[in-house]
Protein backbone atom coordinates (compact mmCIF):
# COMPACT_ATOMS: atom_id res chain seq x y z
CA MET A 1 30.16 20.72 -35.33
CA PRO A 2 32.14 22.22 -32.42
CA GLU A 3 34.85 20.23 -30.79
CA PRO A 4 33.98 18.63 -27.46
CA GLU A 5 35.44 20.30 -24.37
CA ASN A 6 38.29 18.64 -22.60
CA MET A 7 36.74 17.59 -19.30
CA VAL A 8 40.11 17.34 -17.60
CA LEU A 9 40.76 21.03 -18.25
CA VAL A 10 37.29 21.94 -17.04
CA LEU A 11 37.80 19.98 -13.82
CA LEU A 12 41.25 21.46 -13.30
CA ARG A 13 39.85 24.98 -13.66
CA GLU A 14 37.12 24.23 -11.13
CA MET A 15 39.68 22.77 -8.73
CA ARG A 16 41.89 25.84 -9.09
CA LEU A 17 38.96 28.15 -8.27
CA ARG A 18 38.03 26.12 -5.22
CA MET A 19 41.63 26.00 -4.04
CA GLU A 20 42.01 29.77 -4.46
CA ASP A 21 38.83 30.27 -2.43
CA ARG A 22 40.14 28.00 0.33
CA PHE A 23 43.55 29.68 0.34
CA ASP A 24 41.85 33.08 0.63
CA ARG A 25 39.90 31.86 3.65
CA VAL A 26 43.03 30.39 5.22
CA ASP A 27 44.86 33.69 4.66
CA GLN A 28 42.03 35.57 6.37
CA LYS A 29 42.10 33.22 9.35
CA LEU A 30 45.88 33.51 9.62
CA ALA A 31 45.62 37.30 9.55
CA ALA A 32 43.02 37.17 12.32
CA HIS A 33 45.24 34.86 14.39
CA ASP A 34 48.24 37.11 13.83
CA ALA A 35 46.26 40.12 15.05
CA HIS A 36 45.10 38.16 18.09
CA PHE A 37 48.65 37.08 18.93
CA GLU A 38 49.91 40.66 18.56
CA VAL A 39 47.34 41.78 21.14
CA LEU A 40 48.37 38.97 23.48
CA GLU A 41 52.08 39.74 23.05
CA LYS A 42 51.44 43.40 23.87
CA LYS A 43 49.56 42.41 27.02
CA ILE A 44 52.38 40.08 28.05
CA ASP A 45 54.94 42.83 27.48
CA ASP A 46 52.86 45.22 29.59
CA VAL A 47 52.68 42.68 32.40
CA LYS A 48 56.45 42.09 32.20
CA LYS A 49 57.12 45.82 32.33
CA ALA A 50 54.86 46.20 35.35
CA ALA A 51 56.47 43.21 37.07
CA PHE A 52 59.98 44.54 36.56
CA GLY A 53 59.10 48.10 37.52
CA GLU A 54 59.53 49.57 34.07
CA SER A 55 56.43 51.68 34.31
CA LEU A 56 56.73 55.42 34.71
CA VAL A 57 55.68 55.27 38.36
CA GLY A 58 58.11 52.43 39.01
CA ARG A 59 60.98 54.40 37.52
CA TYR A 60 60.04 57.46 39.53
CA MET A 61 59.92 55.47 42.76
CA ALA A 62 63.24 53.76 42.01
CA ALA A 63 64.87 57.14 41.33
CA GLU A 64 63.52 58.49 44.62
CA VAL A 65 64.90 55.49 46.51
CA GLU A 66 68.26 55.94 44.82
CA GLU A 67 68.33 59.59 45.86
CA ARG A 68 67.53 58.69 49.46
CA LEU A 69 70.23 56.02 49.52
CA ALA A 70 72.76 58.44 48.07
CA ALA A 71 71.90 60.98 50.79
CA ILE A 72 72.25 58.33 53.52
CA GLU A 73 75.58 57.20 52.09
CA ALA A 74 76.82 60.80 52.01
CA ARG A 75 75.83 61.33 55.65
CA LEU A 76 77.49 58.05 56.64
CA ALA A 77 80.66 59.00 54.83
CA ALA A 78 80.62 62.35 56.63
CA LEU A 79 80.18 60.63 59.99
CA GLU A 80 82.96 58.15 59.25
CA GLY A 81 85.23 61.02 58.23
CA ARG A 82 84.72 62.74 61.59
CA SER A 83 85.77 59.70 63.61
């Protein structure tokens, strides 16, 4: 006659399988949330860059303004030197 199975071990094995299944689902949800937050962080960074003029167009415009100011300062210095 075979020995009876230990019900505690059977229940523990079932619990372990269920827990592994739940942990897998939690891991999947966390991965999805991480991906979502990465997208949001990229959008926030893009908005910050646009707000602080770090876009290519913003840099170009700032460089042009700097050039104009440098030219005005040079002309002013020349005029002050004549006086």
